[in-house]
Amino acid sequence: ISAYLFGAFVSELLPNLVKHNFLI
């Protein structure tokens, strides 16, 4: 359950960071 929760947590935080630093 925590692994699933953490997956949602990570995928909510990373989108802006990824597209601004990796250009994808």
PDB file of all heavy atoms in Angstrom:
ATOM      1  N   ILE A   1       0.843  -1.201   0.000  1.00  0.00           N
ATOM      2  CA  ILE A   1       0.000   0.000   0.000  1.00  0.00           C
ATOM      3  C   ILE A   1       0.879   1.252   0.000  1.00  0.00           C
ATOM      4  O   ILE A   1       0.610   2.218  -0.732  1.00  0.00           O
ATOM      5  CB  ILE A   1      -0.951   0.000   1.214  1.00  0.00           C
ATOM      6  CG1 ILE A   1      -1.979  -1.125   1.077  1.00  0.00           C
ATOM      7  CG2 ILE A   1      -1.657   1.344   1.356  1.00  0.00           C
ATOM      8  CD1 ILE A   1      -2.815  -1.364   2.315  1.00  0.00           C
ATOM      9  N   SER A   2       1.944   1.227   0.787  1.00  0.00           N
ATOM     10  CA  SER A   2       2.867   2.363   0.842  1.00  0.00           C
ATOM     11  C   SER A   2       3.607   2.546  -0.479  1.00  0.00           C
ATOM     12  O   SER A   2       3.857   3.675  -0.916  1.00  0.00           O
ATOM     13  CB  SER A   2       3.875   2.182   1.978  1.00  0.00           C
ATOM     14  OG  SER A   2       3.215   2.160   3.226  1.00  0.00           O
ATOM     15  N   ALA A   3       3.961   1.422  -1.133  1.00  0.00           N
ATOM     16  CA  ALA A   3       4.633   1.507  -2.433  1.00  0.00           C
ATOM     17  C   ALA A   3       3.716   2.181  -3.449  1.00  0.00           C
ATOM     18  O   ALA A   3       4.160   3.014  -4.250  1.00  0.00           O
ATOM     19  CB  ALA A   3       5.027   0.111  -2.908  1.00  0.00           C
ATOM     20  N   TYR A   4       2.445   1.832  -3.413  1.00  0.00           N
ATOM     21  CA  TYR A   4       1.469   2.437  -4.329  1.00  0.00           C
ATOM     22  C   TYR A   4       1.293   3.919  -4.005  1.00  0.00           C
ATOM     23  O   TYR A   4       1.255   4.772  -4.912  1.00  0.00           O
ATOM     24  CB  TYR A   4       0.144   1.696  -4.210  1.00  0.00           C
ATOM     25  CG  TYR A   4      -0.732   1.804  -5.429  1.00  0.00           C
ATOM     26  CD1 TYR A   4      -0.599   0.887  -6.473  1.00  0.00           C
ATOM     27  CD2 TYR A   4      -1.693   2.793  -5.536  1.00  0.00           C
ATOM     28  CE1 TYR A   4      -1.417   0.960  -7.595  1.00  0.00           C
ATOM     29  CE2 TYR A   4      -2.514   2.881  -6.661  1.00  0.00           C
ATOM     30  CZ  TYR A   4      -2.371   1.968  -7.680  1.00  0.00           C
ATOM     31  OH  TYR A   4      -3.170   2.058  -8.793  1.00  0.00           O
ATOM     32  N   LEU A   5       1.198   4.225  -2.721  1.00  0.00           N
ATOM     33  CA  LEU A   5       1.064   5.615  -2.285  1.00  0.00           C
ATOM     34  C   LEU A   5       2.276   6.433  -2.717  1.00  0.00           C
ATOM     35  O   LEU A   5       2.139   7.556  -3.222  1.00  0.00           O
ATOM     36  CB  LEU A   5       0.895   5.652  -0.764  1.00  0.00           C
ATOM     37  CG  LEU A   5       0.630   7.005  -0.098  1.00  0.00           C
ATOM     38  CD1 LEU A   5      -0.142   6.786   1.202  1.00  0.00           C
ATOM     39  CD2 LEU A   5       1.919   7.764   0.225  1.00  0.00           C
ATOM     40  N   PHE A   6       3.464   5.860  -2.553  1.00  0.00           N
ATOM     41  CA  PHE A   6       4.687   6.570  -2.908  1.00  0.00           C
ATOM     42  C   PHE A   6       4.774   6.799  -4.418  1.00  0.00           C
ATOM     43  O   PHE A   6       5.268   7.837  -4.874  1.00  0.00           O
ATOM     44  CB  PHE A   6       5.906   5.786  -2.423  1.00  0.00           C
ATOM     45  CG  PHE A   6       7.203   6.526  -2.575  1.00  0.00           C
ATOM     46  CD1 PHE A   6       7.404   7.746  -1.941  1.00  0.00           C
ATOM     47  CD2 PHE A   6       8.230   6.006  -3.355  1.00  0.00           C
ATOM     48  CE1 PHE A   6       8.598   8.440  -2.080  1.00  0.00           C
ATOM     49  CE2 PHE A   6       9.430   6.685  -3.495  1.00  0.00           C
ATOM     50  CZ  PHE A   6       9.617   7.909  -2.856  1.00  0.00           C
ATOM     51  N   GLY A   7       4.256   5.855  -5.194  1.00  0.00           N
ATOM     52  CA  GLY A   7       4.238   6.031  -6.642  1.00  0.00           C
ATOM     53  C   GLY A   7       3.406   7.233  -7.046  1.00  0.00           C
ATOM     54  O   GLY A   7       3.814   8.029  -7.909  1.00  0.00           O
ATOM     55  N   ALA A   8       2.249   7.394  -6.432  1.00  0.00           N
ATOM     56  CA  ALA A   8       1.406   8.552  -6.713  1.00  0.00           C
ATOM     57  C   ALA A   8       2.094   9.838  -6.261  1.00  0.00           C
ATOM     58  O   ALA A   8       2.060  10.861  -6.958  1.00  0.00           O
ATOM     59  CB  ALA A   8       0.057   8.401  -6.011  1.00  0.00           C
ATOM     60  N   PHE A   9       2.740   9.776  -5.105  1.00  0.00           N
ATOM     61  CA  PHE A   9       3.455  10.933  -4.555  1.00  0.00           C
ATOM     62  C   PHE A   9       4.557  11.406  -5.506  1.00  0.00           C
ATOM     63  O   PHE A   9       4.647  12.591  -5.850  1.00  0.00           O
ATOM     64  CB  PHE A   9       4.052  10.530  -3.200  1.00  0.00           C
ATOM     65  CG  PHE A   9       4.874  11.601  -2.536  1.00  0.00           C
ATOM     66  CD1 PHE A   9       4.275  12.608  -1.813  1.00  0.00           C
ATOM     67  CD2 PHE A   9       6.262  11.579  -2.622  1.00  0.00           C
ATOM     68  CE1 PHE A   9       5.026  13.592  -1.188  1.00  0.00           C
ATOM     69  CE2 PHE A   9       7.025  12.553  -2.003  1.00  0.00           C
ATOM     70  CZ  PHE A   9       6.404  13.568  -1.286  1.00  0.00           C
ATOM     71  N   VAL A  10       5.366  10.474  -5.967  1.00  0.00           N
ATOM     72  CA  VAL A  10       6.483  10.800  -6.858  1.00  0.00           C
ATOM     73  C   VAL A  10       5.980  11.342  -8.192  1.00  0.00           C
ATOM     74  O   VAL A  10       6.484  12.351  -8.709  1.00  0.00           O
ATOM     75  CB  VAL A  10       7.362   9.551  -7.086  1.00  0.00           C
ATOM     76  CG1 VAL A  10       8.364   9.794  -8.215  1.00  0.00           C
ATOM     77  CG2 VAL A  10       8.097   9.194  -5.802  1.00  0.00           C
ATOM     78  N   SER A  11       4.971  10.675  -8.765  1.00  0.00           N
ATOM     79  CA  SER A  11       4.478  11.079 -10.079  1.00  0.00           C
ATOM     80  C   SER A  11       3.751  12.407 -10.058  1.00  0.00           C
ATOM     81  O   SER A  11       3.541  13.036 -11.097  1.00  0.00           O
ATOM     82  CB  SER A  11       3.552  10.001 -10.657  1.00  0.00           C
ATOM     83  OG  SER A  11       2.416   9.810  -9.833  1.00  0.00           O
ATOM     84  N   GLU A  12       3.365  12.858  -8.882  1.00  0.00           N
ATOM     85  CA  GLU A  12       2.722  14.170  -8.750  1.00  0.00           C
ATOM     86  C   GLU A  12       3.752  15.287  -8.632  1.00  0.00           C
ATOM     87  O   GLU A  12       3.521  16.412  -9.083  1.00  0.00           O
ATOM     88  CB  GLU A  12       1.794  14.173  -7.526  1.00  0.00           C
ATOM     89  CG  GLU A  12       0.834  15.334  -7.463  1.00  0.00           C
ATOM     90  CD  GLU A  12      -0.225  15.311  -8.556  1.00  0.00           C
ATOM     91  OE1 GLU A  12      -0.541  14.230  -9.085  1.00  0.00           O
ATOM     92  OE2 GLU A  12      -0.748  16.403  -8.879  1.00  0.00           O
ATOM     93  N   LEU A  13       4.913  14.970  -8.073  1.00  0.00           N
ATOM     94  CA  LEU A  13       5.936  15.990  -7.840  1.00  0.00           C
ATOM     95  C   LEU A  13       6.900  16.193  -9.006  1.00  0.00           C
ATOM     96  O   LEU A  13       7.421  17.291  -9.190  1.00  0.00           O
ATOM     97  CB  LEU A  13       6.756  15.636  -6.594  1.00  0.00           C
ATOM     98  CG  LEU A  13       6.074  15.761  -5.231  1.00  0.00           C
ATOM     99  CD1 LEU A  13       7.062  15.392  -4.128  1.00  0.00           C
ATOM    100  CD2 LEU A  13       5.563  17.186  -5.018  1.00  0.00           C
ATOM    101  N   LEU A  14       7.147  15.147  -9.789  1.00  0.00           N
ATOM    102  CA  LEU A  14       8.229  15.192 -10.762  1.00  0.00           C
ATOM    103  C   LEU A  14       7.945  15.844 -12.115  1.00  0.00           C
ATOM    104  O   LEU A  14       8.896  16.282 -12.769  1.00  0.00           O
ATOM    105  CB  LEU A  14       8.756  13.776 -11.012  1.00  0.00           C
ATOM    106  CG  LEU A  14       9.560  13.145  -9.872  1.00  0.00           C
ATOM    107  CD1 LEU A  14      10.125  11.808 -10.319  1.00  0.00           C
ATOM    108  CD2 LEU A  14      10.691  14.066  -9.417  1.00  0.00           C
ATOM    109  N   PRO A  15       6.719  15.896 -12.615  1.00  0.00           N
ATOM    110  CA  PRO A  15       6.508  16.380 -13.984  1.00  0.00           C
ATOM    111  C   PRO A  15       7.171  17.711 -14.325  1.00  0.00           C
ATOM    112  O   PRO A  15       7.869  17.814 -15.338  1.00  0.00           O
ATOM    113  CB  PRO A  15       4.981  16.472 -14.086  1.00  0.00           C
ATOM    114  CG  PRO A  15       4.510  15.372 -13.203  1.00  0.00           C
ATOM    115  CD  PRO A  15       5.464  15.383 -12.037  1.00  0.00           C
ATOM    116  N   ASN A  16       6.982  18.742 -13.518  1.00  0.00           N
ATOM    117  CA  ASN A  16       7.592  20.041 -13.823  1.00  0.00           C
ATOM    118  C   ASN A  16       9.103  19.979 -13.749  1.00  0.00           C
ATOM    119  O   ASN A  16       9.811  20.554 -14.596  1.00  0.00           O
ATOM    120  CB  ASN A  16       7.067  21.117 -12.861  1.00  0.00           C
ATOM    121  CG  ASN A  16       5.646  21.528 -13.179  1.00  0.00           C
ATOM    122  OD1 ASN A  16       5.207  21.441 -14.326  1.00  0.00           O
ATOM    123  ND2 ASN A  16       4.912  21.964 -12.175  1.00  0.00           N
ATOM    124  N   LEU A  17       9.627  19.288 -12.755  1.00  0.00           N
ATOM    125  CA  LEU A  17      11.074  19.154 -12.595  1.00  0.00           C
ATOM    126  C   LEU A  17      11.691  18.467 -13.812  1.00  0.00           C
ATOM    127  O   LEU A  17      12.739  18.888 -14.315  1.00  0.00           O
ATOM    128  CB  LEU A  17      11.377  18.351 -11.326  1.00  0.00           C
ATOM    129  CG  LEU A  17      12.850  18.140 -10.974  1.00  0.00           C
ATOM    130  CD1 LEU A  17      13.507  19.474 -10.636  1.00  0.00           C
ATOM    131  CD2 LEU A  17      12.992  17.170  -9.814  1.00  0.00           C
ATOM    132  N   VAL A  18      11.042  17.446 -14.304  1.00  0.00           N
ATOM    133  CA  VAL A  18      11.569  16.678 -15.437  1.00  0.00           C
ATOM    134  C   VAL A  18      11.575  17.516 -16.715  1.00  0.00           C
ATOM    135  O   VAL A  18      12.593  17.624 -17.400  1.00  0.00           O
ATOM    136  CB  VAL A  18      10.752  15.386 -15.651  1.00  0.00           C
ATOM    137  CG1 VAL A  18      11.124  14.723 -16.972  1.00  0.00           C
ATOM    138  CG2 VAL A  18      10.984  14.429 -14.490  1.00  0.00           C
ATOM    139  N   LYS A  19      10.461  18.125 -17.047  1.00  0.00           N
ATOM    140  CA  LYS A  19      10.386  18.838 -18.324  1.00  0.00           C
ATOM    141  C   LYS A  19      11.242  20.097 -18.349  1.00  0.00           C
ATOM    142  O   LYS A  19      11.687  20.521 -19.415  1.00  0.00           O
ATOM    143  CB  LYS A  19       8.935  19.168 -18.672  1.00  0.00           C
ATOM    144  CG  LYS A  19       8.265  20.211 -17.802  1.00  0.00           C
ATOM    145  CD  LYS A  19       6.808  20.386 -18.238  1.00  0.00           C
ATOM    146  CE  LYS A  19       6.071  21.404 -17.377  1.00  0.00           C
ATOM    147  NZ  LYS A  19       4.655  21.502 -17.772  1.00  0.00           N
ATOM    148  N   HIS A  20      11.520  20.672 -17.173  1.00  0.00           N
ATOM    149  CA  HIS A  20      12.352  21.870 -17.134  1.00  0.00           C
ATOM    150  C   HIS A  20      13.843  21.550 -17.102  1.00  0.00           C
ATOM    151  O   HIS A  20      14.670  22.417 -17.390  1.00  0.00           O
ATOM    152  CB  HIS A  20      11.988  22.728 -15.919  1.00  0.00           C
ATOM    153  CG  HIS A  20      10.628  23.348 -16.020  1.00  0.00           C
ATOM    154  ND1 HIS A  20       9.835  23.616 -14.917  1.00  0.00           N
ATOM    155  CD2 HIS A  20       9.895  23.717 -17.101  1.00  0.00           C
ATOM    156  CE1 HIS A  20       8.691  24.140 -15.310  1.00  0.00           C
ATOM    157  NE2 HIS A  20       8.705  24.216 -16.627  1.00  0.00           N
ATOM    158  N   ASN A  21      14.197  20.326 -16.766  1.00  0.00           N
ATOM    159  CA  ASN A  21      15.613  19.970 -16.662  1.00  0.00           C
ATOM    160  C   ASN A  21      16.080  18.942 -17.700  1.00  0.00           C
ATOM    161  O   ASN A  21      17.270  18.871 -17.995  1.00  0.00           O
ATOM    162  CB  ASN A  21      15.910  19.423 -15.260  1.00  0.00           C
ATOM    163  CG  ASN A  21      15.861  20.498 -14.198  1.00  0.00           C
ATOM    164  OD1 ASN A  21      16.824  21.226 -13.983  1.00  0.00           O
ATOM    165  ND2 ASN A  21      14.721  20.631 -13.522  1.00  0.00           N
ATOM    166  N   PHE A  22      15.144  18.161 -18.233  1.00  0.00           N
ATOM    167  CA  PHE A  22      15.537  17.117 -19.184  1.00  0.00           C
ATOM    168  C   PHE A  22      14.942  17.322 -20.575  1.00  0.00           C
ATOM    169  O   PHE A  22      15.193  16.545 -21.484  1.00  0.00           O
ATOM    170  CB  PHE A  22      15.124  15.743 -18.643  1.00  0.00           C
ATOM    171  CG  PHE A  22      15.806  15.384 -17.357  1.00  0.00           C
ATOM    172  CD1 PHE A  22      15.170  15.593 -16.136  1.00  0.00           C
ATOM    173  CD2 PHE A  22      17.076  14.857 -17.352  1.00  0.00           C
ATOM    174  CE1 PHE A  22      15.793  15.260 -14.933  1.00  0.00           C
ATOM    175  CE2 PHE A  22      17.712  14.516 -16.164  1.00  0.00           C
ATOM    176  CZ  PHE A  22      17.073  14.730 -14.958  1.00  0.00           C
ATOM    177  N   LEU A  23      14.113  18.354 -20.731  1.00  0.00           N
ATOM    178  CA  LEU A  23      13.531  18.711 -22.024  1.00  0.00           C
ATOM    179  C   LEU A  23      12.634  17.619 -22.613  1.00  0.00           C
ATOM    180  O   LEU A  23      12.407  17.577 -23.820  1.00  0.00           O
ATOM    181  CB  LEU A  23      14.638  19.079 -23.028  1.00  0.00           C
ATOM    182  CG  LEU A  23      15.587  20.203 -22.574  1.00  0.00           C
ATOM    183  CD1 LEU A  23      16.643  20.455 -23.641  1.00  0.00           C
ATOM    184  CD2 LEU A  23      14.806  21.470 -22.265  1.00  0.00           C
ATOM    185  N   ILE A  24      12.165  16.733 -21.762  1.00  0.00           N
ATOM    186  CA  ILE A  24      11.155  15.759 -22.159  1.00  0.00           C
ATOM    187  C   ILE A  24      10.066  15.757 -21.085  1.00  0.00           C
ATOM    188  O   ILE A  24      10.274  16.256 -19.978  1.00  0.00           O
ATOM    189  CB  ILE A  24      11.730  14.332 -22.320  1.00  0.00           C
ATOM    190  CG1 ILE A  24      12.289  13.819 -20.985  1.00  0.00           C
ATOM    191  CG2 ILE A  24      12.773  14.290 -23.423  1.00  0.00           C
ATOM    192  CD1 ILE A  24      12.721  12.356 -21.028  1.00  0.00           C
TER     193      ILE A  24
END
